[in-house]
Amino acid sequence: MSKQPQRFDYVKIGLASPERIRQWGERSLPNGQVVGEVTKPETINYRTLKPEMDGLFCERIFGPAKDWECHCGKYKRVRHRGIVCERCGVEVTESRVRRHRMGFIKLAAPVTHVWYLKGIPSYLSILLDMPLRDVEQIVYFNAYVVLDPGNASNLQYRQLLTEDQWLEIEEQLFVEDTELMGVEVGIGAEAIQRLLEEVNLEEEAEKLREEIAGSKGQKRAKLIKRLRVIDNFIATGSRPEWMVVMVIPVIPPDLRPMVQLDGGRFATSDLNDLYRRVINRNNRLARLQEILAPEIIVRNEKRMLQEAVDALIDNGRRGRTVVGANNRPLKSLSDIIEGKQGRFRQNL
């Protein structure tokens, strides 16, 4: 049987909504259980050499490691094709499904996508109409931003505040006979997400067109640049808040393999180390939030999670580069895509 060649004209990279990312990795088992979320940083069990359940190589999420064989060994051979083992929840199918089945990590706190923050141009700073340095200070927990000035005359929407300035305002807010009402500030990616949700693309585009008509020179060029970005969002049907990530896709395990060497040691893809850092920090943050840890500790963990996700998406784009053994920088998702040996130029 000859397969018809699939024809396509171009490959387009766009923003995916959190629901879309979940769809890529989520599947329902016959017993009604929904699988797809990777919750453990473990890869394989070094005693049995089988993938750990709910880990980065989980057979329930990504499919069986051996053709036509479930995890616990109850079903073996082709005659059980398509059956989902009621003991371990693994579908009896070919192991090559591990090349295309994806998973996802649900984050305990939103993080910004480093491409849209540190790319050139920075789309986050263009959309929010704020300097890149200010946006970075908010994202990495160095400054607060005013989300709602309330009735405070000395505050403005999107104004940056230092820790001391905010503590001063906070003291005034909690005095019994205070006149301050409705003041709201935020910090981190959550604040950026809130600001992006409040951007009305159609209204902004309309306003910019009017401003462009009456301006010239450098200011006009800046306004046109912003209008182009906003028009792009409208044309593609993307939402600005999707630049802040709540769900991270986990690529199929056979694209980030783990190979046993002669001496019994294992060689693993760098991506597994980067994913493991994200999962460890995410689980720790979830636990801290559960036990209602002090705000300063939670905030520090959120910043570390942001840095771990940055390294996974594009290692070295911001801050210290994450290195492995013998001080070699780890290859992130961006490194796999870009360049002559990247997916696009080498494989497509």
Protein backbone atom coordinates (compact mmCIF):
# COMPACT_ATOMS: atom_id res chain seq x y z
CA MET A 1 0.00 0.00 0.00
CA SER A 2 1.65 3.25 -1.12
CA LYS A 3 1.16 6.26 1.11
CA GLN A 4 0.17 9.53 -0.52
CA PRO A 5 2.93 12.07 0.14
CA GLN A 6 1.70 14.77 2.47
CA ARG A 7 2.16 18.14 0.81
CA PHE A 8 2.60 21.32 2.77
CA ASP A 9 3.76 24.78 1.78
CA TYR A 10 5.11 26.17 5.01
CA VAL A 11 5.58 25.60 8.74
CA LYS A 12 4.32 28.35 11.02
CA ILE A 13 5.21 28.90 14.65
CA GLY A 14 2.52 30.55 16.74
CA LEU A 15 1.31 30.89 20.31
CA ALA A 16 -0.61 27.97 21.80
CA SER A 17 -3.23 28.41 24.50
CA PRO A 18 -2.88 26.42 27.77
CA GLU A 19 -5.94 24.33 26.74
CA ARG A 20 -4.28 23.49 23.41
CA ILE A 21 -1.05 22.35 25.13
CA ARG A 22 -3.08 20.12 27.47
CA GLN A 23 -4.92 18.66 24.46
CA TRP A 24 -1.61 17.60 22.89
CA GLY A 25 -0.70 15.50 25.91
CA GLU A 26 -4.01 14.43 27.48
CA ARG A 27 -5.67 11.06 26.80
CA SER A 28 -8.56 9.24 28.49
CA LEU A 29 -8.21 5.55 29.38
CA PRO A 30 -11.19 3.16 29.06
CA ASN A 31 -11.63 3.21 32.85
CA GLY A 32 -12.19 6.99 32.65
CA GLN A 33 -8.78 7.93 34.05
CA VAL A 34 -7.16 10.92 32.31
CA VAL A 35 -3.40 10.62 31.79
CA GLY A 36 -0.80 12.96 30.37
CA GLU A 37 0.50 15.02 33.29
CA VAL A 38 4.13 14.33 34.24
CA THR A 39 4.40 14.80 38.00
CA LYS A 40 7.62 12.99 38.97
CA PRO A 41 11.20 13.89 38.01
CA GLU A 42 12.32 10.22 37.86
CA THR A 43 13.22 8.65 34.51
CA ILE A 44 13.79 4.91 34.90
CA ASN A 45 14.13 2.50 37.81
CA TYR A 46 17.82 1.56 37.90
CA ARG A 47 17.11 -1.88 39.40
CA THR A 48 14.42 -3.07 36.97
CA LEU A 49 15.41 -0.67 34.12
CA LYS A 50 11.71 0.01 33.56
CA PRO A 51 10.30 3.55 33.24
CA GLU A 52 8.90 5.06 36.45
CA MET A 53 5.15 5.69 36.45
CA ASP A 54 4.16 9.39 36.11
CA GLY A 55 7.83 10.18 35.42
CA LEU A 56 9.56 11.55 32.34
CA PHE A 57 9.48 8.16 30.56
CA CYS A 58 6.13 6.90 31.94
CA GLU A 59 4.60 4.12 29.81
CA ARG A 60 1.04 5.06 30.78
CA ILE A 61 1.52 8.56 29.34
CA PHE A 62 3.83 7.90 26.39
CA GLY A 63 3.11 4.26 25.44
CA PRO A 64 4.92 0.93 26.05
CA ALA A 65 8.72 0.70 25.99
CA LYS A 66 8.52 -2.74 24.31
CA ASP A 67 6.24 -3.62 21.36
CA TRP A 68 2.90 -5.18 22.39
CA GLU A 69 3.81 -5.43 26.09
CA CYS A 70 2.34 -3.58 29.07
CA HIS A 71 4.36 -2.33 32.07
CA CYS A 72 3.46 -5.11 34.51
CA GLY A 73 3.75 -7.93 31.93
CA LYS A 74 0.13 -9.13 32.16
CA TYR A 75 -0.40 -8.64 28.41
CA LYS A 76 2.23 -9.69 25.86
CA ARG A 77 2.09 -10.26 22.08
CA VAL A 78 0.11 -8.76 19.20
CA ARG A 79 -3.15 -10.56 19.92
CA HIS A 80 -3.85 -8.12 22.78
CA ARG A 81 -3.52 -5.11 20.44
CA GLY A 82 -5.39 -2.00 21.67
CA ILE A 83 -6.16 -3.39 25.14
CA VAL A 84 -5.40 -1.09 28.08
CA CYS A 85 -4.05 -3.12 31.01
CA GLU A 86 -6.38 -2.76 34.00
CA ARG A 87 -3.47 -3.23 36.42
CA CYS A 88 -0.89 -0.71 35.14
CA GLY A 89 -2.99 1.37 32.71
CA VAL A 90 -0.58 0.94 29.78
CA GLU A 91 -2.03 0.49 26.29
CA VAL A 92 -0.77 -2.60 24.40
CA THR A 93 0.55 -1.14 21.16
CA GLU A 94 3.77 -0.58 19.20
CA SER A 95 6.59 1.14 21.06
CA ARG A 96 7.05 3.63 18.20
CA VAL A 97 4.12 5.66 19.60
CA ARG A 98 6.75 6.93 22.08
CA ARG A 99 8.12 9.02 19.20
CA HIS A 100 5.00 11.19 18.93
CA ARG A 101 2.95 10.97 22.15
CA MET A 102 3.42 14.04 24.31
CA GLY A 103 2.87 14.85 27.96
CA PHE A 104 2.59 18.10 29.91
CA ILE A 105 3.64 19.69 33.19
CA LYS A 106 1.02 21.80 34.99
CA LEU A 107 2.83 24.65 36.70
CA ALA A 108 2.02 25.72 40.26
CA ALA A 109 2.55 29.37 39.23
CA PRO A 110 2.55 31.09 35.83
CA VAL A 111 5.90 31.88 34.17
CA THR A 112 6.69 34.14 31.22
CA HIS A 113 7.95 32.66 27.95
CA VAL A 114 11.58 33.76 27.58
CA TRP A 115 11.32 34.14 23.77
CA TYR A 116 8.69 36.87 24.13
CA LEU A 117 10.50 38.56 27.02
CA LYS A 118 14.14 38.46 25.86
CA GLY A 119 13.66 38.10 22.10
CA ILE A 120 14.54 40.98 19.80
CA PRO A 121 12.19 42.82 19.73
CA SER A 122 10.65 42.01 23.12
CA TYR A 123 6.95 41.48 22.38
CA LEU A 124 6.01 41.70 26.05
CA SER A 125 7.50 45.16 26.45
CA ILE A 126 5.99 46.34 23.11
CA LEU A 127 2.49 45.12 24.02
CA LEU A 128 2.59 46.50 27.55
CA ASP A 129 4.24 49.71 26.29
CA MET A 130 6.83 49.48 29.07
CA PRO A 131 10.66 49.47 28.93
CA LEU A 132 12.14 45.95 28.81
CA ARG A 133 14.13 46.59 31.99
CA ASP A 134 10.92 47.34 33.91
CA VAL A 135 9.17 44.20 32.62
CA GLU A 136 12.21 42.11 33.60
CA GLN A 137 12.23 43.58 37.11
CA ILE A 138 8.59 42.57 37.57
CA VAL A 139 9.08 39.05 36.14
CA TYR A 140 12.13 38.26 38.29
CA PHE A 141 10.60 39.62 41.53
CA ASN A 142 12.75 42.77 41.85
CA ALA A 143 9.89 45.29 41.64
CA TYR A 144 6.13 45.53 42.16
CA VAL A 145 3.75 46.94 39.56
CA VAL A 146 0.52 48.86 40.24
CA LEU A 147 -2.43 46.86 38.84
CA ASP A 148 -5.09 49.21 40.18
CA PRO A 149 -4.23 52.62 41.70
CA GLY A 150 -7.63 52.79 43.44
CA ASN A 151 -8.17 56.27 44.88
CA ALA A 152 -4.45 56.93 45.57
CA SER A 153 -3.47 60.21 43.90
CA ASN A 154 0.27 59.44 43.94
CA LEU A 155 -0.05 56.09 42.10
CA GLN A 156 -0.47 55.37 38.39
CA TYR A 157 -1.52 52.23 36.49
CA ARG A 158 1.58 50.12 35.55
CA GLN A 159 3.84 52.22 37.81
CA LEU A 160 6.81 50.34 39.29
CA LEU A 161 7.31 50.26 43.07
CA THR A 162 10.28 49.09 45.13
CA GLU A 163 9.83 46.81 48.15
CA ASP A 164 10.11 49.79 50.55
CA GLN A 165 7.61 51.92 48.61
CA TRP A 166 5.07 49.08 48.66
CA LEU A 167 5.56 48.41 52.40
CA GLU A 168 4.89 52.11 53.05
CA ILE A 169 1.62 51.97 51.05
CA GLU A 170 0.67 48.66 52.68
CA GLU A 171 1.00 50.21 56.14
CA GLN A 172 -1.36 53.01 55.11
CA LEU A 173 -3.86 50.49 53.69
CA PHE A 174 -4.23 48.60 56.96
CA VAL A 175 -4.67 51.57 59.27
CA GLU A 176 -8.23 51.66 60.68
CA ASP A 177 -9.23 55.15 59.51
CA THR A 178 -7.48 54.89 56.12
CA GLU A 179 -8.78 56.79 53.13
CA LEU A 180 -6.86 54.61 50.65
CA MET A 181 -9.19 52.22 48.84
CA GLY A 182 -8.86 49.67 46.06
CA VAL A 183 -5.06 49.79 45.64
CA GLU A 184 -3.76 46.60 44.02
CA VAL A 185 -0.16 45.72 43.20
CA GLY A 186 1.40 42.56 41.80
CA ILE A 187 4.78 40.96 41.19
CA GLY A 188 6.15 38.18 39.01
CA ALA A 189 4.60 36.55 35.95
CA GLU A 190 1.14 36.64 37.61
CA ALA A 191 1.22 40.46 37.48
CA ILE A 192 2.34 40.39 33.82
CA GLN A 193 -0.48 37.94 33.03
CA ARG A 194 -3.03 40.25 34.66
CA LEU A 195 -1.71 43.27 32.71
CA LEU A 196 -1.86 41.31 29.44
CA GLU A 197 -5.43 40.15 30.13
CA GLU A 198 -6.45 43.79 30.50
CA VAL A 199 -5.09 44.73 27.05
CA ASN A 200 -8.03 45.21 24.66
CA LEU A 201 -6.41 44.57 21.28
CA GLU A 202 -9.13 46.13 19.10
CA GLU A 203 -9.35 49.30 21.22
CA GLU A 204 -5.55 49.65 21.34
CA ALA A 205 -5.27 49.24 17.56
CA GLU A 206 -7.94 51.90 17.00
CA LYS A 207 -6.22 54.31 19.40
CA LEU A 208 -2.81 53.73 17.80
CA ARG A 209 -4.15 54.44 14.29
CA GLU A 210 -5.46 57.80 15.48
CA GLU A 211 -2.15 58.63 17.21
CA ILE A 212 -0.08 57.63 14.15
CA ALA A 213 -2.05 60.02 11.96
CA GLY A 214 -1.00 62.96 14.14
CA SER A 215 2.63 62.08 14.90
CA LYS A 216 5.93 61.92 13.03
CA GLY A 217 9.57 60.87 13.29
CA GLN A 218 10.81 58.48 15.98
CA LYS A 219 7.50 58.48 17.86
CA ARG A 220 5.57 57.50 14.73
CA ALA A 221 7.98 54.61 14.02
CA LYS A 222 7.51 53.32 17.59
CA LEU A 223 3.71 53.50 17.32
CA ILE A 224 3.73 51.67 13.96
CA LYS A 225 5.90 48.93 15.47
CA ARG A 226 3.40 48.46 18.31
CA LEU A 227 0.42 48.51 15.93
CA ARG A 228 2.04 45.80 13.78
CA VAL A 229 2.39 43.49 16.79
CA ILE A 230 -1.22 44.12 17.90
CA ASP A 231 -2.57 43.58 14.35
CA ASN A 232 -0.62 40.32 14.21
CA PHE A 233 -2.29 39.11 17.41
CA ILE A 234 -5.73 40.01 16.05
CA ALA A 235 -5.05 38.34 12.67
CA THR A 236 -3.83 35.05 14.20
CA GLY A 237 -6.54 34.96 16.89
CA SER A 238 -3.89 34.71 19.63
CA ARG A 239 -4.34 36.21 23.08
CA PRO A 240 -1.52 38.28 24.68
CA GLU A 241 -1.79 36.39 28.00
CA TRP A 242 -0.68 33.18 26.23
CA MET A 243 2.86 34.62 26.37
CA VAL A 244 2.64 33.70 30.05
CA VAL A 245 2.80 29.92 30.37
CA MET A 246 0.71 27.82 32.77
CA VAL A 247 1.27 24.43 31.09
CA ILE A 248 4.55 23.19 29.61
CA PRO A 249 4.57 20.51 26.89
CA VAL A 250 6.84 17.50 27.45
CA ILE A 251 8.23 16.22 24.16
CA PRO A 252 8.05 12.44 23.40
CA PRO A 253 10.63 10.32 25.27
CA ASP A 254 12.18 8.81 22.13
CA LEU A 255 13.20 12.31 21.03
CA ARG A 256 15.19 12.72 24.31
CA PRO A 257 16.44 9.15 24.82
CA MET A 258 18.31 7.49 27.66
CA VAL A 259 20.90 4.92 26.54
CA GLN A 260 22.71 2.34 28.66
CA LEU A 261 26.48 2.32 28.10
CA ASP A 262 28.83 -0.68 28.35
CA GLY A 263 29.85 -0.13 31.97
CA GLY A 264 26.22 -0.09 33.15
CA ARG A 265 26.21 3.72 33.22
CA PHE A 266 23.55 5.75 31.42
CA ALA A 267 23.87 8.52 28.86
CA THR A 268 20.87 10.81 28.75
CA SER A 269 19.68 13.74 26.66
CA ASP A 270 20.22 17.19 28.20
CA LEU A 271 16.49 17.86 27.95
CA ASN A 272 15.80 15.25 30.63
CA ASP A 273 18.00 17.19 33.09
CA LEU A 274 16.28 20.46 32.19
CA TYR A 275 12.78 18.92 32.55
CA ARG A 276 13.84 17.34 35.87
CA ARG A 277 14.86 20.76 37.26
CA VAL A 278 11.47 22.21 36.27
CA ILE A 279 9.50 19.32 37.84
CA ASN A 280 11.55 19.38 41.07
CA ARG A 281 11.08 23.12 41.54
CA ASN A 282 7.42 22.95 40.54
CA ASN A 283 6.68 20.18 43.08
CA ARG A 284 8.56 22.07 45.80
CA LEU A 285 6.58 25.26 45.05
CA ALA A 286 3.27 23.35 45.14
CA ARG A 287 4.25 21.88 48.54
CA LEU A 288 5.23 25.31 49.92
CA GLN A 289 1.91 26.78 48.79
CA GLU A 290 0.07 23.87 50.41
CA ILE A 291 1.68 24.40 53.83
CA LEU A 292 1.17 28.20 53.53
CA ALA A 293 4.90 28.99 53.72
CA PRO A 294 6.01 32.63 54.22
CA GLU A 295 5.58 34.83 51.14
CA ILE A 296 9.32 35.48 50.77
CA ILE A 297 10.08 31.74 50.51
CA VAL A 298 7.25 31.13 48.01
CA ARG A 299 8.40 34.09 45.95
CA ASN A 300 11.98 32.83 45.83
CA GLU A 301 10.75 29.41 44.66
CA LYS A 302 8.60 31.05 41.94
CA ARG A 303 11.67 32.94 40.71
CA MET A 304 13.67 29.69 40.62
CA LEU A 305 10.84 28.00 38.68
CA GLN A 306 10.87 30.90 36.20
CA GLU A 307 14.64 30.45 35.74
CA ALA A 308 14.28 26.67 35.29
CA VAL A 309 11.63 27.14 32.57
CA ASP A 310 13.81 29.80 30.89
CA ALA A 311 16.71 27.33 30.77
CA LEU A 312 14.46 24.58 29.35
CA ILE A 313 13.12 26.80 26.56
CA ASP A 314 16.32 28.70 25.75
CA ASN A 315 19.35 28.01 27.94
CA GLY A 316 21.68 30.99 28.26
CA ARG A 317 19.21 33.56 26.88
CA ARG A 318 18.98 35.15 30.32
CA GLY A 319 21.00 34.77 33.50
CA ARG A 320 23.54 32.03 34.13
CA THR A 321 23.76 29.21 31.59
CA VAL A 322 22.91 25.83 33.10
CA VAL A 323 25.86 23.47 32.62
CA GLY A 324 26.18 19.69 32.94
CA ALA A 325 29.23 17.52 33.56
CA ASN A 326 32.60 19.02 32.48
CA ASN A 327 31.02 22.50 32.31
CA ARG A 328 29.28 21.96 28.98
CA PRO A 329 26.12 24.09 28.51
CA LEU A 330 22.99 21.91 28.33
CA LYS A 331 21.13 21.89 25.00
CA SER A 332 17.67 23.40 25.40
CA LEU A 333 14.57 23.16 23.18
CA SER A 334 15.69 26.23 21.19
CA ASP A 335 19.11 24.69 20.49
CA ILE A 336 17.40 21.63 18.99
CA ILE A 337 15.33 23.79 16.63
CA GLU A 338 17.84 26.42 15.52
CA GLY A 339 20.93 26.43 13.34
CA LYS A 340 22.23 24.25 10.52
CA GLN A 341 21.91 21.06 12.57
CA GLY A 342 18.50 22.13 13.90
CA ARG A 343 15.18 20.46 13.13
CA PHE A 344 14.14 22.92 10.41
CA ARG A 345 17.25 23.03 8.26
CA GLN A 346 18.53 19.50 8.87
CA ASN A 347 15.32 17.46 9.04
CA LEU A 348 12.48 19.29 7.32
